[in-house]
PDB file of N, CA and C in Angstrom:
ATOM      1  N   MET A   1     -30.247 104.256 137.460  1.00  0.00           N
ATOM      2  CA  MET A   1     -31.192 103.392 138.124  1.00  0.00           C
ATOM      3  C   MET A   1     -31.299 103.854 139.566  1.00  0.00           C
ATOM      4  N   GLY A   2     -32.527 103.935 140.058  1.00  0.00           N
ATOM      5  CA  GLY A   2     -32.737 104.339 141.435  1.00  0.00           C
ATOM      6  C   GLY A   2     -32.240 103.281 142.403  1.00  0.00           C
ATOM      7  N   LYS A   3     -31.717 103.753 143.522  1.00  0.00           N
ATOM      8  CA  LYS A   3     -31.200 102.811 144.520  1.00  0.00           C
ATOM      9  C   LYS A   3     -32.296 101.897 145.044  1.00  0.00           C
ATOM     10  N   LYS A   4     -33.497 102.458 145.208  1.00  0.00           N
ATOM     11  CA  LYS A   4     -34.609 101.654 145.716  1.00  0.00           C
ATOM     12  C   LYS A   4     -34.970 100.547 144.727  1.00  0.00           C
ATOM     13  N   ASP A   5     -35.030 100.888 143.437  1.00  0.00           N
ATOM     14  CA  ASP A   5     -35.347  99.895 142.414  1.00  0.00           C
ATOM     15  C   ASP A   5     -34.263  98.828 142.342  1.00  0.00           C
ATOM     16  N   LYS A   6     -33.021  99.258 142.406  1.00  0.00           N
ATOM     17  CA  LYS A   6     -31.898  98.325 142.326  1.00  0.00           C
ATOM     18  C   LYS A   6     -31.939  97.350 143.504  1.00  0.00           C
ATOM     19  N   ALA A   7     -32.212  97.869 144.698  1.00  0.00           N
ATOM     20  CA  ALA A   7     -32.290  97.019 145.894  1.00  0.00           C
ATOM     21  C   ALA A   7     -33.458  96.049 145.795  1.00  0.00           C
ATOM     22  N   SER A   8     -34.585  96.548 145.322  1.00  0.00           N
ATOM     23  CA  SER A   8     -35.770  95.705 145.182  1.00  0.00           C
ATOM     24  C   SER A   8     -35.514  94.570 144.191  1.00  0.00           C
ATOM     25  N   ASN A   9     -34.858  94.893 143.089  1.00  0.00           N
ATOM     26  CA  ASN A   9     -34.546  93.868 142.095  1.00  0.00           C
ATOM     27  C   ASN A   9     -33.572  92.839 142.650  1.00  0.00           C
ATOM     28  N   LYS A  10     -32.616  93.290 143.432  1.00  0.00           N
ATOM     29  CA  LYS A  10     -31.637  92.376 144.031  1.00  0.00           C
ATOM     30  C   LYS A  10     -32.323  91.434 145.022  1.00  0.00           C
ATOM     31  N   VAL A  11     -33.249  91.979 145.818  1.00  0.00           N
ATOM     32  CA  VAL A  11     -33.992  91.151 146.775  1.00  0.00           C
ATOM     33  C   VAL A  11     -34.814  90.103 146.033  1.00  0.00           C
ATOM     34  N   GLN A  12     -35.472  90.514 144.952  1.00  0.00           N
ATOM     35  CA  GLN A  12     -36.269  89.560 144.172  1.00  0.00           C
ATOM     36  C   GLN A  12     -35.381  88.465 143.585  1.00  0.00           C
ATOM     37  N   ASP A  13     -34.186  88.845 143.115  1.00  0.00           N
ATOM     38  CA  ASP A  13     -33.255  87.866 142.570  1.00  0.00           C
ATOM     39  C   ASP A  13     -32.811  86.882 143.656  1.00  0.00           C
ATOM     40  N   LEU A  14     -32.500  87.395 144.835  1.00  0.00           N
ATOM     41  CA  LEU A  14     -32.060  86.521 145.927  1.00  0.00           C
ATOM     42  C   LEU A  14     -33.166  85.577 146.380  1.00  0.00           C
ATOM     43  N   LYS A  15     -34.393  86.096 146.474  1.00  0.00           N
ATOM     44  CA  LYS A  15     -35.524  85.235 146.830  1.00  0.00           C
ATOM     45  C   LYS A  15     -35.696  84.128 145.794  1.00  0.00           C
ATOM     46  N   GLY A  16     -35.541  84.501 144.534  1.00  0.00           N
ATOM     47  CA  GLY A  16     -35.646  83.510 143.465  1.00  0.00           C
ATOM     48  C   GLY A  16     -34.584  82.435 143.574  1.00  0.00           C
ATOM     49  N   ARG A  17     -33.365  82.857 143.904  1.00  0.00           N
ATOM     50  CA  ARG A  17     -32.279  81.885 144.063  1.00  0.00           C
ATOM     51  C   ARG A  17     -32.583  80.904 145.192  1.00  0.00           C
ATOM     52  N   VAL A  18     -33.114  81.441 146.310  1.00  0.00           N
ATOM     53  CA  VAL A  18     -33.444  80.579 147.447  1.00  0.00           C
ATOM     54  C   VAL A  18     -34.546  79.600 147.060  1.00  0.00           C
ATOM     55  N   LYS A  19     -35.606  80.110 146.427  1.00  0.00           N
ATOM     56  CA  LYS A  19     -36.701  79.220 146.005  1.00  0.00           C
ATOM     57  C   LYS A  19     -36.189  78.134 145.073  1.00  0.00           C
ATOM     58  N   GLU A  20     -35.324  78.536 144.160  1.00  0.00           N
ATOM     59  CA  GLU A  20     -34.795  77.578 143.190  1.00  0.00           C
ATOM     60  C   GLU A  20     -33.980  76.493 143.884  1.00  0.00           C
ATOM     61  N   LYS A  21     -33.119  76.895 144.814  1.00  0.00           N
ATOM     62  CA  LYS A  21     -32.279  75.914 145.530  1.00  0.00           C
ATOM     63  C   LYS A  21     -33.122  74.987 146.400  1.00  0.00           C
ATOM     64  N   VAL A  22     -34.092  75.561 147.128  1.00  0.00           N
ATOM     65  CA  VAL A  22     -34.944  74.741 147.993  1.00  0.00           C
ATOM     66  C   VAL A  22     -35.783  73.796 147.144  1.00  0.00           C
ATOM     67  N   GLY A  23     -36.323  74.298 146.040  1.00  0.00           N
ATOM     68  CA  GLY A  23     -37.104  73.447 145.150  1.00  0.00           C
ATOM     69  C   GLY A  23     -36.290  72.296 144.592  1.00  0.00           C
ATOM     70  N   SER A  24     -35.041  72.586 144.219  1.00  0.00           N
ATOM     71  CA  SER A  24     -34.171  71.529 143.701  1.00  0.00           C
ATOM     72  C   SER A  24     -33.831  70.511 144.782  1.00  0.00           C
ATOM     73  N   ALA A  25     -33.548  71.006 145.979  1.00  0.00           N
ATOM     74  CA  ALA A  25     -33.150  70.116 147.080  1.00  0.00           C
ATOM     75  C   ALA A  25     -34.299  69.221 147.539  1.00  0.00           C
ATOM     76  N   THR A  26     -35.519  69.746 147.469  1.00  0.00           N
ATOM     77  CA  THR A  26     -36.664  68.973 147.960  1.00  0.00           C
ATOM     78  C   THR A  26     -37.414  68.244 146.843  1.00  0.00           C
ATOM     79  N   GLY A  27     -37.012  68.467 145.607  1.00  0.00           N
ATOM     80  CA  GLY A  27     -37.698  67.832 144.499  1.00  0.00           C
ATOM     81  C   GLY A  27     -39.006  68.517 144.146  1.00  0.00           C
ATOM     82  N   ASN A  28     -39.185  69.748 144.629  1.00  0.00           N
ATOM     83  CA  ASN A  28     -40.402  70.509 144.357  1.00  0.00           C
ATOM     84  C   ASN A  28     -40.187  71.325 143.078  1.00  0.00           C
ATOM     85  N   GLU A  29     -40.632  70.775 141.971  1.00  0.00           N
ATOM     86  CA  GLU A  29     -40.420  71.402 140.667  1.00  0.00           C
ATOM     87  C   GLU A  29     -41.141  72.744 140.559  1.00  0.00           C
ATOM     88  N   ASP A  30     -42.325  72.854 141.162  1.00  0.00           N
ATOM     89  CA  ASP A  30     -43.086  74.103 141.114  1.00  0.00           C
ATOM     90  C   ASP A  30     -42.321  75.233 141.809  1.00  0.00           C
ATOM     91  N   LEU A  31     -41.761  74.960 142.967  1.00  0.00           N
ATOM     92  CA  LEU A  31     -40.994  75.971 143.705  1.00  0.00           C
ATOM     93  C   LEU A  31     -39.732  76.350 142.937  1.00  0.00           C
ATOM     94  N   ARG A  32     -39.074  75.383 142.347  1.00  0.00           N
ATOM     95  CA  ARG A  32     -37.872  75.653 141.558  1.00  0.00           C
ATOM     96  C   ARG A  32     -38.203  76.554 140.370  1.00  0.00           C
ATOM     97  N   THR A  33     -39.314  76.262 139.713  1.00  0.00           N
ATOM     98  CA  THR A  33     -39.745  77.066 138.570  1.00  0.00           C
ATOM     99  C   THR A  33     -40.112  78.488 139.005  1.00  0.00           C
ATOM    100  N   LYS A  34     -40.770  78.630 140.144  1.00  0.00           N
ATOM    101  CA  LYS A  34     -41.112  79.959 140.655  1.00  0.00           C
ATOM    102  C   LYS A  34     -39.842  80.752 140.954  1.00  0.00           C
ATOM    103  N   GLY A  35     -38.838  80.084 141.454  1.00  0.00           N
ATOM    104  CA  GLY A  35     -37.554  80.739 141.716  1.00  0.00           C
ATOM    105  C   GLY A  35     -36.919  81.245 140.433  1.00  0.00           C
ATOM    106  N   GLN A  36     -36.960  80.426 139.413  1.00  0.00           N
ATOM    107  CA  GLN A  36     -36.402  80.840 138.116  1.00  0.00           C
ATOM    108  C   GLN A  36     -37.178  82.031 137.558  1.00  0.00           C
ATOM    109  N   THR A  37     -38.486  82.009 137.731  1.00  0.00           N
ATOM    110  CA  THR A  37     -39.331  83.111 137.253  1.00  0.00           C
ATOM    111  C   THR A  37     -38.990  84.399 137.987  1.00  0.00           C
ATOM    112  N   ASP A  38     -38.822  84.328 139.295  1.00  0.00           N
ATOM    113  CA  ASP A  38     -38.452  85.515 140.075  1.00  0.00           C
ATOM    114  C   ASP A  38     -37.125  86.088 139.604  1.00  0.00           C
ATOM    115  N   ARG A  39     -36.160  85.224 139.353  1.00  0.00           N
ATOM    116  CA  ARG A  39     -34.847  85.685 138.898  1.00  0.00           C
ATOM    117  C   ARG A  39     -34.947  86.332 137.519  1.00  0.00           C
ATOM    118  N   THR A  40     -35.735  85.755 136.646  1.00  0.00           N
ATOM    119  CA  THR A  40     -35.917  86.314 135.304  1.00  0.00           C
ATOM    120  C   THR A  40     -36.581  87.683 135.377  1.00  0.00           C
ATOM    121  N   LYS A  41     -37.610  87.809 136.206  1.00  0.00           N
ATOM    122  CA  LYS A  41     -38.288  89.102 136.365  1.00  0.00           C
ATOM    123  C   LYS A  41     -37.325  90.163 136.876  1.00  0.00           C
ATOM    124  N   ALA A  42     -36.504  89.802 137.853  1.00  0.00           N
ATOM    125  CA  ALA A  42     -35.537  90.758 138.398  1.00  0.00           C
ATOM    126  C   ALA A  42     -34.547  91.190 137.318  1.00  0.00           C
ATOM    127  N   SER A  43     -34.103  90.259 136.510  1.00  0.00           N
ATOM    128  CA  SER A  43     -33.163  90.588 135.430  1.00  0.00           C
ATOM    129  C   SER A  43     -33.799  91.518 134.396  1.00  0.00           C
ATOM    130  N   LEU A  44     -35.044  91.262 134.064  1.00  0.00           N
ATOM    131  CA  LEU A  44     -35.749  92.105 133.095  1.00  0.00           C
ATOM    132  C   LEU A  44     -35.955  93.511 133.647  1.00  0.00           C
ATOM    133  N   LYS A  45     -36.276  93.601 134.926  1.00  0.00           N
ATOM    134  CA  LYS A  45     -36.444  94.922 135.548  1.00  0.00           C
ATOM    135  C   LYS A  45     -35.128  95.695 135.540  1.00  0.00           C
ATOM    136  N   ASP A  46     -34.040  95.002 135.848  1.00  0.00           N
ATOM    137  CA  ASP A  46     -32.720  95.645 135.809  1.00  0.00           C
ATOM    138  C   ASP A  46     -32.409  96.153 134.404  1.00  0.00           C
ATOM    139  N   ALA A  47     -32.702  95.341 133.408  1.00  0.00           N
ATOM    140  CA  ALA A  47     -32.447  95.745 132.023  1.00  0.00           C
ATOM    141  C   ALA A  47     -33.281  96.970 131.662  1.00  0.00           C
ATOM    142  N   GLY A  48     -34.535  96.999 132.089  1.00  0.00           N
ATOM    143  CA  GLY A  48     -35.400  98.140 131.827  1.00  0.00           C
ATOM    144  C   GLY A  48     -34.879  99.410 132.477  1.00  0.00           C
ATOM    145  N   GLU A  49     -34.382  99.283 133.690  1.00  0.00           N
ATOM    146  CA  GLU A  49     -33.825 100.445 134.392  1.00  0.00           C
ATOM    147  C   GLU A  49     -32.565 100.957 133.686  1.00  0.00           C
ATOM    148  N   LYS A  50     -31.769 100.038 133.186  1.00  0.00           N
ATOM    149  CA  LYS A  50     -30.555 100.438 132.464  1.00  0.00           C
ATOM    150  C   LYS A  50     -30.900 101.166 131.168  1.00  0.00           C
ATOM    151  N   VAL A  51     -31.958 100.718 130.493  1.00  0.00           N
ATOM    152  CA  VAL A  51     -32.399 101.400 129.272  1.00  0.00           C
ATOM    153  C   VAL A  51     -32.873 102.812 129.613  1.00  0.00           C
ATOM    154  N   LYS A  52     -33.640 102.938 130.691  1.00  0.00           N
ATOM    155  CA  LYS A  52     -34.105 104.256 131.119  1.00  0.00           C
ATOM    156  C   LYS A  52     -32.923 105.178 131.404  1.00  0.00           C
ATOM    157  N   ASP A  53     -31.908 104.658 132.091  1.00  0.00           N
ATOM    158  CA  ASP A  53     -30.713 105.453 132.393  1.00  0.00           C
ATOM    159  C   ASP A  53     -30.004 105.883 131.119  1.00  0.00           C
ATOM    160  N   ALA A  54     -29.895 104.970 130.164  1.00  0.00           N
ATOM    161  CA  ALA A  54     -29.210 105.288 128.907  1.00  0.00           C
ATOM    162  C   ALA A  54     -29.964 106.363 128.139  1.00  0.00           C
ATOM    163  N   VAL A  55     -31.280 106.261 128.086  1.00  0.00           N
ATOM    164  CA  VAL A  55     -32.094 107.259 127.399  1.00  0.00           C
ATOM    165  C   VAL A  55     -31.947 108.608 128.082  1.00  0.00           C
ATOM    166  N   SER A  56     -31.957 108.598 129.390  1.00  0.00           N
ATOM    167  CA  SER A  56     -31.796 109.839 130.151  1.00  0.00           C
ATOM    168  C   SER A  56     -30.438 110.480 129.870  1.00  0.00           C
ATOM    169  N   ASN A  57     -29.403 109.661 129.799  1.00  0.00           N
ATOM    170  CA  ASN A  57     -28.064 110.176 129.510  1.00  0.00           C
ATOM    171  C   ASN A  57     -27.974 110.774 128.108  1.00  0.00           C
ATOM    172  N   VAL A  58     -28.623 110.126 127.159  1.00  0.00           N
ATOM    173  CA  VAL A  58     -28.631 110.635 125.780  1.00  0.00           C
ATOM    174  C   VAL A  58     -29.377 111.971 125.723  1.00  0.00           C
ATOM    175  N   LYS A  59     -30.529 112.021 126.390  1.00  0.00           N
ATOM    176  CA  LYS A  59     -31.299 113.270 126.414  1.00  0.00           C
ATOM    177  C   LYS A  59     -30.472 114.389 127.043  1.00  0.00           C
ATOM    178  N   GLY A  60     -29.754 114.071 128.114  1.00  0.00           N
ATOM    179  CA  GLY A  60     -28.916 115.066 128.774  1.00  0.00           C
ATOM    180  C   GLY A  60     -27.802 115.539 127.882  1.00  0.00           C
ATOM    181  N   ALA A  61     -27.219 114.638 127.128  1.00  0.00           N
ATOM    182  CA  ALA A  61     -26.127 114.992 126.229  1.00  0.00           C
ATOM    183  C   ALA A  61     -26.626 115.867 125.079  1.00  0.00           C
ATOM    184  N   VAL A  62     -27.808 115.570 124.583  1.00  0.00           N
ATOM    185  CA  VAL A  62     -28.380 116.340 123.471  1.00  0.00           C
ATOM    186  C   VAL A  62     -28.744 117.748 123.945  1.00  0.00           C
ATOM    187  N   LYS A  63     -29.320 117.859 125.114  1.00  0.00           N
ATOM    188  CA  LYS A  63     -29.691 119.165 125.656  1.00  0.00           C
ATOM    189  C   LYS A  63     -28.461 120.006 125.985  1.00  0.00           C
ATOM    190  N   GLY A  64     -27.378 119.341 126.345  1.00  0.00           N
ATOM    191  CA  GLY A  64     -26.151 120.031 126.713  1.00  0.00           C
ATOM    192  C   GLY A  64     -25.447 120.662 125.521  1.00  0.00           C
ATOM    193  N   LYS A  65     -25.736 120.202 124.327  1.00  0.00           N
ATOM    194  CA  LYS A  65     -25.054 120.708 123.112  1.00  0.00           C
ATOM    195  C   LYS A  65     -25.685 121.938 122.570  1.00  0.00           C
TER     196      LYS A  65
END
């Protein structure tokens, strides 16, 4: 996973956490839901990057043989 992608995903996750906490504290359900959505998107992006890394590693191992 690229460092830039990893950092971007982490920032999105943190923003989501903040939105979720502020939404919960203020009773703003829409903001809380947006925070959860941001966190979910960041998690999905991380999973996609991990799959790309795994595929790349497999391709490298196959070419190496």
